[in-house]
Amino acid sequence: MRAKGKAEAFRLLGLARRAGAVVPGTDAARRAVREGEARLILMAGDASSVQLGKIRRLLENRSIPQAILGDRATLGAAVGAGPVSAVAVTAETFADELQRRLGPVDDGAAADDVEE
């Protein structure tokens, strides 16, 4: 991913948080997936395999796009929180725009295959 696209994605993620369209944290993101609210899942590249595994297993039979974006500290800072392993974007408009800025986003394959 280009550095400019990544910076734009972090800025947009902050805007989405201020609009109430982001759910930070692994447990909250998993809940958003189960409740059908998640439109995009963003995971930190340095998150533990246990945390990422929890999300990946839940996404296996769902067509919710997912991507690796930054590290835990940067992802958390973008949404006004401490370090987080994952966030769910719940508004379709923000999810679509983030996907456009991030480039190709995984739609159900292993998140390791997503370009950072």
PDB file of N, CA and C in Angstrom:
ATOM      1  N   MET A   1       0.844  -1.171   0.000  1.00  0.00           N
ATOM      2  CA  MET A   1       0.000   0.000   0.000  1.00  0.00           C
ATOM      3  C   MET A   1       0.887   1.232   0.000  1.00  0.00           C
ATOM      4  N   ARG A   2       0.493   2.237  -0.731  1.00  0.00           N
ATOM      5  CA  ARG A   2       1.263   3.476  -0.745  1.00  0.00           C
ATOM      6  C   ARG A   2       1.161   4.171   0.606  1.00  0.00           C
ATOM      7  N   ALA A   3       2.209   4.887   0.980  1.00  0.00           N
ATOM      8  CA  ALA A   3       2.234   5.600   2.257  1.00  0.00           C
ATOM      9  C   ALA A   3       1.131   6.659   2.304  1.00  0.00           C
ATOM     10  N   LYS A   4       0.893   7.329   1.185  1.00  0.00           N
ATOM     11  CA  LYS A   4      -0.152   8.352   1.142  1.00  0.00           C
ATOM     12  C   LYS A   4      -1.529   7.731   1.377  1.00  0.00           C
ATOM     13  N   GLY A   5      -1.792   6.605   0.746  1.00  0.00           N
ATOM     14  CA  GLY A   5      -3.076   5.929   0.924  1.00  0.00           C
ATOM     15  C   GLY A   5      -3.277   5.473   2.358  1.00  0.00           C
ATOM     16  N   LYS A   6      -2.190   5.024   2.984  1.00  0.00           N
ATOM     17  CA  LYS A   6      -2.256   4.583   4.376  1.00  0.00           C
ATOM     18  C   LYS A   6      -2.559   5.763   5.296  1.00  0.00           C
ATOM     19  N   ALA A   7      -1.883   6.895   5.078  1.00  0.00           N
ATOM     20  CA  ALA A   7      -2.128   8.091   5.893  1.00  0.00           C
ATOM     21  C   ALA A   7      -3.559   8.577   5.715  1.00  0.00           C
ATOM     22  N   GLU A   8      -4.040   8.565   4.476  1.00  0.00           N
ATOM     23  CA  GLU A   8      -5.427   8.965   4.207  1.00  0.00           C
ATOM     24  C   GLU A   8      -6.403   8.026   4.901  1.00  0.00           C
ATOM     25  N   ALA A   9      -6.097   6.739   4.909  1.00  0.00           N
ATOM     26  CA  ALA A   9      -6.966   5.758   5.559  1.00  0.00           C
ATOM     27  C   ALA A   9      -7.036   6.010   7.062  1.00  0.00           C
ATOM     28  N   PHE A  10      -5.904   6.319   7.689  1.00  0.00           N
ATOM     29  CA  PHE A  10      -5.903   6.618   9.120  1.00  0.00           C
ATOM     30  C   PHE A  10      -6.721   7.874   9.422  1.00  0.00           C
ATOM     31  N   ARG A  11      -6.598   8.899   8.579  1.00  0.00           N
ATOM     32  CA  ARG A  11      -7.383  10.122   8.787  1.00  0.00           C
ATOM     33  C   ARG A  11      -8.878   9.836   8.647  1.00  0.00           C
ATOM     34  N   LEU A  12      -9.224   9.070   7.631  1.00  0.00           N
ATOM     35  CA  LEU A  12     -10.628   8.724   7.416  1.00  0.00           C
ATOM     36  C   LEU A  12     -11.161   7.865   8.558  1.00  0.00           C
ATOM     37  N   LEU A  13     -10.329   6.987   9.079  1.00  0.00           N
ATOM     38  CA  LEU A  13     -10.723   6.152  10.205  1.00  0.00           C
ATOM     39  C   LEU A  13     -11.019   7.015  11.431  1.00  0.00           C
ATOM     40  N   GLY A  14     -10.220   8.055  11.650  1.00  0.00           N
ATOM     41  CA  GLY A  14     -10.479   8.985  12.750  1.00  0.00           C
ATOM     42  C   GLY A  14     -11.797   9.713  12.564  1.00  0.00           C
ATOM     43  N   LEU A  15     -12.082  10.119  11.340  1.00  0.00           N
ATOM     44  CA  LEU A  15     -13.348  10.775  11.039  1.00  0.00           C
ATOM     45  C   LEU A  15     -14.518   9.817  11.284  1.00  0.00           C
ATOM     46  N   ALA A  16     -14.352   8.579  10.864  1.00  0.00           N
ATOM     47  CA  ALA A  16     -15.392   7.576  11.078  1.00  0.00           C
ATOM     48  C   ALA A  16     -15.650   7.367  12.569  1.00  0.00           C
ATOM     49  N   ARG A  17     -14.585   7.383  13.362  1.00  0.00           N
ATOM     50  CA  ARG A  17     -14.746   7.235  14.807  1.00  0.00           C
ATOM     51  C   ARG A  17     -15.545   8.393  15.383  1.00  0.00           C
ATOM     52  N   ARG A  18     -15.213   9.609  14.954  1.00  0.00           N
ATOM     53  CA  ARG A  18     -15.944  10.776  15.447  1.00  0.00           C
ATOM     54  C   ARG A  18     -17.410  10.742  15.028  1.00  0.00           C
ATOM     55  N   ALA A  19     -17.695  10.083  13.922  1.00  0.00           N
ATOM     56  CA  ALA A  19     -19.073   9.949  13.447  1.00  0.00           C
ATOM     57  C   ALA A  19     -19.795   8.772  14.109  1.00  0.00           C
ATOM     58  N   GLY A  20     -19.091   8.026  14.954  1.00  0.00           N
ATOM     59  CA  GLY A  20     -19.709   6.879  15.621  1.00  0.00           C
ATOM     60  C   GLY A  20     -19.812   5.647  14.749  1.00  0.00           C
ATOM     61  N   ALA A  21     -18.955   5.564  13.734  1.00  0.00           N
ATOM     62  CA  ALA A  21     -19.032   4.464  12.772  1.00  0.00           C
ATOM     63  C   ALA A  21     -17.894   3.459  12.926  1.00  0.00           C
ATOM     64  N   VAL A  22     -17.229   3.462  14.095  1.00  0.00           N
ATOM     65  CA  VAL A  22     -16.121   2.540  14.348  1.00  0.00           C
ATOM     66  C   VAL A  22     -16.316   1.887  15.706  1.00  0.00           C
ATOM     67  N   VAL A  23     -16.064   0.582  15.750  1.00  0.00           N
ATOM     68  CA  VAL A  23     -16.120  -0.168  17.004  1.00  0.00           C
ATOM     69  C   VAL A  23     -14.719  -0.706  17.252  1.00  0.00           C
ATOM     70  N   PRO A  24     -13.989  -0.144  18.262  1.00  0.00           N
ATOM     71  CA  PRO A  24     -12.610  -0.566  18.504  1.00  0.00           C
ATOM     72  C   PRO A  24     -12.500  -1.769  19.437  1.00  0.00           C
ATOM     73  N   GLY A  25     -11.507  -2.596  19.181  1.00  0.00           N
ATOM     74  CA  GLY A  25     -11.219  -3.742  20.036  1.00  0.00           C
ATOM     75  C   GLY A  25     -11.702  -5.049  19.432  1.00  0.00           C
ATOM     76  N   THR A  26     -10.977  -6.113  19.735  1.00  0.00           N
ATOM     77  CA  THR A  26     -11.291  -7.423  19.164  1.00  0.00           C
ATOM     78  C   THR A  26     -12.677  -7.902  19.565  1.00  0.00           C
ATOM     79  N   ASP A  27     -12.995  -7.853  20.851  1.00  0.00           N
ATOM     80  CA  ASP A  27     -14.300  -8.344  21.296  1.00  0.00           C
ATOM     81  C   ASP A  27     -15.444  -7.526  20.710  1.00  0.00           C
ATOM     82  N   ALA A  28     -15.291  -6.213  20.693  1.00  0.00           N
ATOM     83  CA  ALA A  28     -16.331  -5.354  20.137  1.00  0.00           C
ATOM     84  C   ALA A  28     -16.479  -5.571  18.632  1.00  0.00           C
ATOM     85  N   ALA A  29     -15.361  -5.763  17.939  1.00  0.00           N
ATOM     86  CA  ALA A  29     -15.412  -6.020  16.495  1.00  0.00           C
ATOM     87  C   ALA A  29     -16.097  -7.357  16.222  1.00  0.00           C
ATOM     88  N   ARG A  30     -15.782  -8.360  17.032  1.00  0.00           N
ATOM     89  CA  ARG A  30     -16.437  -9.664  16.859  1.00  0.00           C
ATOM     90  C   ARG A  30     -17.942  -9.547  17.088  1.00  0.00           C
ATOM     91  N   ARG A  31     -18.335  -8.772  18.086  1.00  0.00           N
ATOM     92  CA  ARG A  31     -19.757  -8.570  18.371  1.00  0.00           C
ATOM     93  C   ARG A  31     -20.436  -7.879  17.184  1.00  0.00           C
ATOM     94  N   ALA A  32     -19.766  -6.882  16.602  1.00  0.00           N
ATOM     95  CA  ALA A  32     -20.318  -6.179  15.437  1.00  0.00           C
ATOM     96  C   ALA A  32     -20.492  -7.132  14.258  1.00  0.00           C
ATOM     97  N   VAL A  33     -19.559  -8.060  14.083  1.00  0.00           N
ATOM     98  CA  VAL A  33     -19.681  -9.060  13.019  1.00  0.00           C
ATOM     99  C   VAL A  33     -20.890  -9.959  13.295  1.00  0.00           C
ATOM    100  N   ARG A  34     -20.969 -10.489  14.510  1.00  0.00           N
ATOM    101  CA  ARG A  34     -22.084 -11.390  14.855  1.00  0.00           C
ATOM    102  C   ARG A  34     -23.442 -10.712  14.719  1.00  0.00           C
ATOM    103  N   GLU A  35     -23.512  -9.425  15.050  1.00  0.00           N
ATOM    104  CA  GLU A  35     -24.779  -8.705  15.000  1.00  0.00           C
ATOM    105  C   GLU A  35     -25.082  -8.123  13.619  1.00  0.00           C
ATOM    106  N   GLY A  36     -24.200  -8.371  12.664  1.00  0.00           N
ATOM    107  CA  GLY A  36     -24.424  -7.917  11.295  1.00  0.00           C
ATOM    108  C   GLY A  36     -24.174  -6.438  11.077  1.00  0.00           C
ATOM    109  N   GLU A  37     -23.450  -5.794  11.978  1.00  0.00           N
ATOM    110  CA  GLU A  37     -23.186  -4.362  11.864  1.00  0.00           C
ATOM    111  C   GLU A  37     -21.877  -4.045  11.152  1.00  0.00           C
ATOM    112  N   ALA A  38     -20.924  -4.948  11.167  1.00  0.00           N
ATOM    113  CA  ALA A  38     -19.599  -4.697  10.587  1.00  0.00           C
ATOM    114  C   ALA A  38     -19.655  -4.685   9.068  1.00  0.00           C
ATOM    115  N   ARG A  39     -19.048  -3.661   8.481  1.00  0.00           N
ATOM    116  CA  ARG A  39     -18.951  -3.550   7.021  1.00  0.00           C
ATOM    117  C   ARG A  39     -17.513  -3.742   6.543  1.00  0.00           C
ATOM    118  N   LEU A  40     -16.548  -3.566   7.473  1.00  0.00           N
ATOM    119  CA  LEU A  40     -15.130  -3.726   7.172  1.00  0.00           C
ATOM    120  C   LEU A  40     -14.415  -3.989   8.490  1.00  0.00           C
ATOM    121  N   ILE A  41     -13.490  -4.931   8.485  1.00  0.00           N
ATOM    122  CA  ILE A  41     -12.668  -5.214   9.657  1.00  0.00           C
ATOM    123  C   ILE A  41     -11.230  -4.839   9.329  1.00  0.00           C
ATOM    124  N   LEU A  42     -10.640  -4.017  10.186  1.00  0.00           N
ATOM    125  CA  LEU A  42      -9.238  -3.638  10.050  1.00  0.00           C
ATOM    126  C   LEU A  42      -8.480  -4.232  11.224  1.00  0.00           C
ATOM    127  N   MET A  43      -7.366  -4.901  10.941  1.00  0.00           N
ATOM    128  CA  MET A  43      -6.577  -5.563  11.975  1.00  0.00           C
ATOM    129  C   MET A  43      -5.160  -5.015  11.977  1.00  0.00           C
ATOM    130  N   ALA A  44      -4.561  -4.994  13.153  1.00  0.00           N
ATOM    131  CA  ALA A  44      -3.186  -4.519  13.299  1.00  0.00           C
ATOM    132  C   ALA A  44      -2.218  -5.611  12.871  1.00  0.00           C
ATOM    133  N   GLY A  45      -1.181  -5.212  12.181  1.00  0.00           N
ATOM    134  CA  GLY A  45      -0.176  -6.161  11.711  1.00  0.00           C
ATOM    135  C   GLY A  45       0.598  -6.830  12.821  1.00  0.00           C
ATOM    136  N   ASP A  46       0.686  -6.182  13.979  1.00  0.00           N
ATOM    137  CA  ASP A  46       1.423  -6.773  15.090  1.00  0.00           C
ATOM    138  C   ASP A  46       0.516  -7.385  16.156  1.00  0.00           C
ATOM    139  N   ALA A  47      -0.754  -7.586  15.825  1.00  0.00           N
ATOM    140  CA  ALA A  47      -1.673  -8.222  16.766  1.00  0.00           C
ATOM    141  C   ALA A  47      -1.281  -9.686  16.959  1.00  0.00           C
ATOM    142  N   SER A  48      -1.611 -10.211  18.117  1.00  0.00           N
ATOM    143  CA  SER A  48      -1.265 -11.609  18.385  1.00  0.00           C
ATOM    144  C   SER A  48      -2.061 -12.541  17.482  1.00  0.00           C
ATOM    145  N   SER A  49      -1.492 -13.686  17.206  1.00  0.00           N
ATOM    146  CA  SER A  49      -2.178 -14.665  16.357  1.00  0.00           C
ATOM    147  C   SER A  49      -3.466 -15.137  17.019  1.00  0.00           C
ATOM    148  N   VAL A  50      -3.527 -15.119  18.341  1.00  0.00           N
ATOM    149  CA  VAL A  50      -4.752 -15.507  19.051  1.00  0.00           C
ATOM    150  C   VAL A  50      -5.865 -14.513  18.752  1.00  0.00           C
ATOM    151  N   GLN A  51      -5.558 -13.208  18.865  1.00  0.00           N
ATOM    152  CA  GLN A  51      -6.566 -12.185  18.601  1.00  0.00           C
ATOM    153  C   GLN A  51      -7.015 -12.208  17.138  1.00  0.00           C
ATOM    154  N   LEU A  52      -6.055 -12.309  16.224  1.00  0.00           N
ATOM    155  CA  LEU A  52      -6.406 -12.357  14.804  1.00  0.00           C
ATOM    156  C   LEU A  52      -7.190 -13.622  14.477  1.00  0.00           C
ATOM    157  N   GLY A  53      -6.823 -14.729  15.110  1.00  0.00           N
ATOM    158  CA  GLY A  53      -7.528 -15.985  14.882  1.00  0.00           C
ATOM    159  C   GLY A  53      -8.995 -15.905  15.279  1.00  0.00           C
ATOM    160  N   LYS A  54      -9.273 -15.229  16.379  1.00  0.00           N
ATOM    161  CA  LYS A  54     -10.665 -15.062  16.820  1.00  0.00           C
ATOM    162  C   LYS A  54     -11.492 -14.366  15.744  1.00  0.00           C
ATOM    163  N   ILE A  55     -10.925 -13.345  15.160  1.00  0.00           N
ATOM    164  CA  ILE A  55     -11.649 -12.598  14.115  1.00  0.00           C
ATOM    165  C   ILE A  55     -11.747 -13.419  12.836  1.00  0.00           C
ATOM    166  N   ARG A  56     -10.632 -14.015  12.414  1.00  0.00           N
ATOM    167  CA  ARG A  56     -10.630 -14.780  11.160  1.00  0.00           C
ATOM    168  C   ARG A  56     -11.624 -15.931  11.188  1.00  0.00           C
ATOM    169  N   ARG A  57     -11.684 -16.632  12.314  1.00  0.00           N
ATOM    170  CA  ARG A  57     -12.647 -17.748  12.409  1.00  0.00           C
ATOM    171  C   ARG A  57     -14.078 -17.241  12.259  1.00  0.00           C
ATOM    172  N   LEU A  58     -14.357 -16.111  12.839  1.00  0.00           N
ATOM    173  CA  LEU A  58     -15.700 -15.544  12.762  1.00  0.00           C
ATOM    174  C   LEU A  58     -16.033 -15.067  11.345  1.00  0.00           C
ATOM    175  N   LEU A  59     -15.032 -14.646  10.605  1.00  0.00           N
ATOM    176  CA  LEU A  59     -15.251 -14.126   9.256  1.00  0.00           C
ATOM    177  C   LEU A  59     -15.252 -15.204   8.172  1.00  0.00           C
ATOM    178  N   GLU A  60     -14.902 -16.437   8.526  1.00  0.00           N
ATOM    179  CA  GLU A  60     -14.739 -17.494   7.522  1.00  0.00           C
ATOM    180  C   GLU A  60     -15.907 -17.627   6.565  1.00  0.00           C
ATOM    181  N   ASN A  61     -17.130 -17.598   7.040  1.00  0.00           N
ATOM    182  CA  ASN A  61     -18.291 -17.807   6.176  1.00  0.00           C
ATOM    183  C   ASN A  61     -19.084 -16.529   5.950  1.00  0.00           C
ATOM    184  N   ARG A  62     -18.420 -15.407   6.101  1.00  0.00           N
ATOM    185  CA  ARG A  62     -19.073 -14.121   5.901  1.00  0.00           C
ATOM    186  C   ARG A  62     -18.289 -13.339   4.842  1.00  0.00           C
ATOM    187  N   SER A  63     -18.992 -12.531   4.110  1.00  0.00           N
ATOM    188  CA  SER A  63     -18.326 -11.750   3.060  1.00  0.00           C
ATOM    189  C   SER A  63     -18.050 -10.326   3.540  1.00  0.00           C
ATOM    190  N   ILE A  64     -17.436 -10.222   4.704  1.00  0.00           N
ATOM    191  CA  ILE A  64     -17.042  -8.924   5.246  1.00  0.00           C
ATOM    192  C   ILE A  64     -15.577  -8.704   4.894  1.00  0.00           C
ATOM    193  N   PRO A  65     -15.281  -7.635   4.178  1.00  0.00           N
ATOM    194  CA  PRO A  65     -13.888  -7.360   3.813  1.00  0.00           C
ATOM    195  C   PRO A  65     -13.030  -7.139   5.058  1.00  0.00           C
ATOM    196  N   GLN A  66     -11.750  -7.466   4.925  1.00  0.00           N
ATOM    197  CA  GLN A  66     -10.802  -7.307   6.024  1.00  0.00           C
ATOM    198  C   GLN A  66      -9.456  -6.901   5.464  1.00  0.00           C
ATOM    199  N   ALA A  67      -8.708  -6.185   6.281  1.00  0.00           N
ATOM    200  CA  ALA A  67      -7.377  -5.744   5.855  1.00  0.00           C
ATOM    201  C   ALA A  67      -6.499  -5.541   7.072  1.00  0.00           C
ATOM    202  N   ILE A  68      -5.213  -5.633   6.849  1.00  0.00           N
ATOM    203  CA  ILE A  68      -4.217  -5.305   7.859  1.00  0.00           C
ATOM    204  C   ILE A  68      -3.869  -3.833   7.655  1.00  0.00           C
ATOM    205  N   LEU A  69      -3.899  -3.051   8.745  1.00  0.00           N
ATOM    206  CA  LEU A  69      -3.592  -1.630   8.640  1.00  0.00           C
ATOM    207  C   LEU A  69      -2.759  -1.201   9.833  1.00  0.00           C
ATOM    208  N   GLY A  70      -1.500  -0.954   9.610  1.00  0.00           N
ATOM    209  CA  GLY A  70      -0.628  -0.447  10.654  1.00  0.00           C
ATOM    210  C   GLY A  70      -0.391  -1.419  11.793  1.00  0.00           C
ATOM    211  N   ASP A  71       0.032  -0.844  12.928  1.00  0.00           N
ATOM    212  CA  ASP A  71       0.254  -1.659  14.114  1.00  0.00           C
ATOM    213  C   ASP A  71      -0.800  -1.316  15.168  1.00  0.00           C
ATOM    214  N   ARG A  72      -0.752  -2.013  16.295  1.00  0.00           N
ATOM    215  CA  ARG A  72      -1.765  -1.834  17.330  1.00  0.00           C
ATOM    216  C   ARG A  72      -1.821  -0.394  17.844  1.00  0.00           C
ATOM    217  N   ALA A  73      -0.657   0.201  18.081  1.00  0.00           N
ATOM    218  CA  ALA A  73      -0.620   1.570  18.617  1.00  0.00           C
ATOM    219  C   ALA A  73      -1.201   2.568  17.621  1.00  0.00           C
ATOM    220  N   THR A  74      -0.824   2.449  16.366  1.00  0.00           N
ATOM    221  CA  THR A  74      -1.284   3.382  15.340  1.00  0.00           C
ATOM    222  C   THR A  74      -2.769   3.212  15.063  1.00  0.00           C
ATOM    223  N   LEU A  75      -3.222   1.976  15.000  1.00  0.00           N
ATOM    224  CA  LEU A  75      -4.641   1.705  14.770  1.00  0.00           C
ATOM    225  C   LEU A  75      -5.473   2.253  15.929  1.00  0.00           C
ATOM    226  N   GLY A  76      -5.003   2.037  17.149  1.00  0.00           N
ATOM    227  CA  GLY A  76      -5.711   2.562  18.312  1.00  0.00           C
ATOM    228  C   GLY A  76      -5.720   4.087  18.329  1.00  0.00           C
ATOM    229  N   ALA A  77      -4.585   4.694  18.032  1.00  0.00           N
ATOM    230  CA  ALA A  77      -4.497   6.158  18.020  1.00  0.00           C
ATOM    231  C   ALA A  77      -5.449   6.762  16.988  1.00  0.00           C
ATOM    232  N   ALA A  78      -5.602   6.101  15.861  1.00  0.00           N
ATOM    233  CA  ALA A  78      -6.483   6.600  14.805  1.00  0.00           C
ATOM    234  C   ALA A  78      -7.940   6.660  15.253  1.00  0.00           C
ATOM    235  N   VAL A  79      -8.313   5.796  16.191  1.00  0.00           N
ATOM    236  CA  VAL A  79      -9.702   5.767  16.667  1.00  0.00           C
ATOM    237  C   VAL A  79      -9.826   6.320  18.085  1.00  0.00           C
ATOM    238  N   GLY A  80      -8.787   7.014  18.543  1.00  0.00           N
ATOM    239  CA  GLY A  80      -8.853   7.656  19.846  1.00  0.00           C
ATOM    240  C   GLY A  80      -8.838   6.708  21.019  1.00  0.00           C
ATOM    241  N   ALA A  81      -8.130   5.601  20.879  1.00  0.00           N
ATOM    242  CA  ALA A  81      -8.062   4.591  21.943  1.00  0.00           C
ATOM    243  C   ALA A  81      -6.602   4.204  22.154  1.00  0.00           C
ATOM    244  N   GLY A  82      -6.390   3.362  23.139  1.00  0.00           N
ATOM    245  CA  GLY A  82      -5.067   2.781  23.322  1.00  0.00           C
ATOM    246  C   GLY A  82      -4.830   1.760  22.224  1.00  0.00           C
ATOM    247  N   PRO A  83      -3.743   1.012  22.300  1.00  0.00           N
ATOM    248  CA  PRO A  83      -3.460  -0.002  21.276  1.00  0.00           C
ATOM    249  C   PRO A  83      -4.619  -0.993  21.132  1.00  0.00           C
ATOM    250  N   VAL A  84      -5.020  -1.252  19.901  1.00  0.00           N
ATOM    251  CA  VAL A  84      -6.085  -2.226  19.622  1.00  0.00           C
ATOM    252  C   VAL A  84      -5.623  -3.176  18.525  1.00  0.00           C
ATOM    253  N   SER A  85      -6.126  -4.395  18.596  1.00  0.00           N
ATOM    254  CA  SER A  85      -5.780  -5.403  17.595  1.00  0.00           C
ATOM    255  C   SER A  85      -6.685  -5.340  16.376  1.00  0.00           C
ATOM    256  N   ALA A  86      -7.913  -4.861  16.578  1.00  0.00           N
ATOM    257  CA  ALA A  86      -8.867  -4.829  15.468  1.00  0.00           C
ATOM    258  C   ALA A  86      -9.920  -3.761  15.708  1.00  0.00           C
ATOM    259  N   VAL A  87     -10.481  -3.276  14.622  1.00  0.00           N
ATOM    260  CA  VAL A  87     -11.628  -2.376  14.678  1.00  0.00           C
ATOM    261  C   VAL A  87     -12.609  -2.803  13.594  1.00  0.00           C
ATOM    262  N   ALA A  88     -13.879  -2.564  13.867  1.00  0.00           N
ATOM    263  CA  ALA A  88     -14.915  -2.798  12.866  1.00  0.00           C
ATOM    264  C   ALA A  88     -15.445  -1.440  12.425  1.00  0.00           C
ATOM    265  N   VAL A  89     -15.569  -1.251  11.136  1.00  0.00           N
ATOM    266  CA  VAL A  89     -16.202  -0.054  10.587  1.00  0.00           C
ATOM    267  C   VAL A  89     -17.646  -0.446  10.306  1.00  0.00           C
ATOM    268  N   THR A  90     -18.593   0.322  10.862  1.00  0.00           N
ATOM    269  CA  THR A  90     -19.997  -0.087  10.795  1.00  0.00           C
ATOM    270  C   THR A  90     -20.828   0.680   9.771  1.00  0.00           C
ATOM    271  N   ALA A  91     -20.321   1.762   9.245  1.00  0.00           N
ATOM    272  CA  ALA A  91     -21.058   2.537   8.245  1.00  0.00           C
ATOM    273  C   ALA A  91     -20.554   2.184   6.848  1.00  0.00           C
ATOM    274  N   GLU A  92     -21.472   1.856   5.978  1.00  0.00           N
ATOM    275  CA  GLU A  92     -21.132   1.447   4.610  1.00  0.00           C
ATOM    276  C   GLU A  92     -20.337   2.513   3.868  1.00  0.00           C
ATOM    277  N   THR A  93     -20.708   3.774   4.029  1.00  0.00           N
ATOM    278  CA  THR A  93     -20.011   4.846   3.300  1.00  0.00           C
ATOM    279  C   THR A  93     -18.544   4.932   3.706  1.00  0.00           C
ATOM    280  N   PHE A  94     -18.271   4.862   5.005  1.00  0.00           N
ATOM    281  CA  PHE A  94     -16.883   4.886   5.464  1.00  0.00           C
ATOM    282  C   PHE A  94     -16.143   3.627   5.037  1.00  0.00           C
ATOM    283  N   ALA A  95     -16.798   2.483   5.145  1.00  0.00           N
ATOM    284  CA  ALA A  95     -16.156   1.221   4.755  1.00  0.00           C
ATOM    285  C   ALA A  95     -15.778   1.246   3.273  1.00  0.00           C
ATOM    286  N   ASP A  96     -16.685   1.723   2.439  1.00  0.00           N
ATOM    287  CA  ASP A  96     -16.408   1.791   0.994  1.00  0.00           C
ATOM    288  C   ASP A  96     -15.243   2.732   0.696  1.00  0.00           C
ATOM    289  N   GLU A  97     -15.234   3.896   1.347  1.00  0.00           N
ATOM    290  CA  GLU A  97     -14.168   4.863   1.098  1.00  0.00           C
ATOM    291  C   GLU A  97     -12.825   4.354   1.622  1.00  0.00           C
ATOM    292  N   LEU A  98     -12.828   3.702   2.774  1.00  0.00           N
ATOM    293  CA  LEU A  98     -11.587   3.114   3.298  1.00  0.00           C
ATOM    294  C   LEU A  98     -11.055   2.052   2.348  1.00  0.00           C
ATOM    295  N   GLN A  99     -11.942   1.209   1.829  1.00  0.00           N
ATOM    296  CA  GLN A  99     -11.516   0.175   0.892  1.00  0.00           C
ATOM    297  C   GLN A  99     -10.929   0.799  -0.365  1.00  0.00           C
ATOM    298  N   ARG A 100     -11.524   1.880  -0.826  1.00  0.00           N
ATOM    299  CA  ARG A 100     -11.007   2.564  -2.018  1.00  0.00           C
ATOM    300  C   ARG A 100      -9.599   3.092  -1.751  1.00  0.00           C
ATOM    301  N   ARG A 101      -9.383   3.669  -0.582  1.00  0.00           N
ATOM    302  CA  ARG A 101      -8.068   4.236  -0.258  1.00  0.00           C
ATOM    303  C   ARG A 101      -7.028   3.168   0.037  1.00  0.00           C
ATOM    304  N   LEU A 102      -7.463   2.042   0.583  1.00  0.00           N
ATOM    305  CA  LEU A 102      -6.527   0.972   0.918  1.00  0.00           C
ATOM    306  C   LEU A 102      -6.140   0.132  -0.285  1.00  0.00           C
ATOM    307  N   GLY A 103      -6.934   0.190  -1.341  1.00  0.00           N
ATOM    308  CA  GLY A 103      -6.678  -0.660  -2.493  1.00  0.00           C
ATOM    309  C   GLY A 103      -7.365  -1.997  -2.298  1.00  0.00           C
ATOM    310  N   PRO A 104      -6.921  -3.048  -2.975  1.00  0.00           N
ATOM    311  CA  PRO A 104      -7.574  -4.347  -2.862  1.00  0.00           C
ATOM    312  C   PRO A 104      -7.649  -4.805  -1.398  1.00  0.00           C
ATOM    313  N   VAL A 105      -8.854  -5.155  -0.977  1.00  0.00           N
ATOM    314  CA  VAL A 105      -9.090  -5.624   0.391  1.00  0.00           C
ATOM    315  C   VAL A 105      -9.589  -7.048   0.324  1.00  0.00           C
ATOM    316  N   ASP A 106      -9.116  -7.868   1.238  1.00  0.00           N
ATOM    317  CA  ASP A 106      -9.486  -9.276   1.295  1.00  0.00           C
ATOM    318  C   ASP A 106     -10.973  -9.411   1.575  1.00  0.00           C
ATOM    319  N   ASP A 107     -11.614 -10.355   0.920  1.00  0.00           N
ATOM    320  CA  ASP A 107     -13.052 -10.584   1.126  1.00  0.00           C
ATOM    321  C   ASP A 107     -13.282 -11.999   1.634  1.00  0.00           C
ATOM    322  N   GLY A 108     -12.525 -12.391   2.659  1.00  0.00           N
ATOM    323  CA  GLY A 108     -12.778 -13.676   3.283  1.00  0.00           C
ATOM    324  C   GLY A 108     -11.600 -14.629   3.290  1.00  0.00           C
ATOM    325  N   ALA A 109     -10.537 -14.360   2.529  1.00  0.00           N
ATOM    326  CA  ALA A 109      -9.362 -15.213   2.573  1.00  0.00           C
ATOM    327  C   ALA A 109      -8.566 -14.877   3.820  1.00  0.00           C
ATOM    328  N   ALA A 110      -7.516 -15.585   4.057  1.00  0.00           N
ATOM    329  CA  ALA A 110      -6.687 -15.327   5.244  1.00  0.00           C
ATOM    330  C   ALA A 110      -6.131 -13.921   5.187  1.00  0.00           C
ATOM    331  N   ALA A 111      -6.197 -13.215   6.301  1.00  0.00           N
ATOM    332  CA  ALA A 111      -5.748 -11.832   6.347  1.00  0.00           C
ATOM    333  C   ALA A 111      -4.249 -11.706   6.089  1.00  0.00           C
ATOM    334  N   ASP A 112      -3.496 -12.787   6.245  1.00  0.00           N
ATOM    335  CA  ASP A 112      -2.060 -12.733   5.962  1.00  0.00           C
ATOM    336  C   ASP A 112      -1.801 -12.420   4.495  1.00  0.00           C
ATOM    337  N   ASP A 113      -2.785 -12.723   3.657  1.00  0.00           N
ATOM    338  CA  ASP A 113      -2.624 -12.509   2.227  1.00  0.00           C
ATOM    339  C   ASP A 113      -2.865 -11.066   1.810  1.00  0.00           C
ATOM    340  N   VAL A 114      -3.332 -10.226   2.737  1.00  0.00           N
ATOM    341  CA  VAL A 114      -3.650  -8.845   2.414  1.00  0.00           C
ATOM    342  C   VAL A 114      -2.385  -8.017   2.473  1.00  0.00           C
ATOM    343  N   GLU A 115      -2.194  -7.213   1.467  1.00  0.00           N
ATOM    344  CA  GLU A 115      -1.000  -6.372   1.399  1.00  0.00           C
ATOM    345  C   GLU A 115      -1.105  -5.243   2.416  1.00  0.00           C
ATOM    346  N   GLU A 116      -0.017  -4.963   3.112  1.00  0.00           N
ATOM    347  CA  GLU A 116       0.009  -3.872   4.086  1.00  0.00           C
ATOM    348  C   GLU A 116       0.526  -2.613   3.454  1.00  0.00           C
TER     349      GLU A 116
END
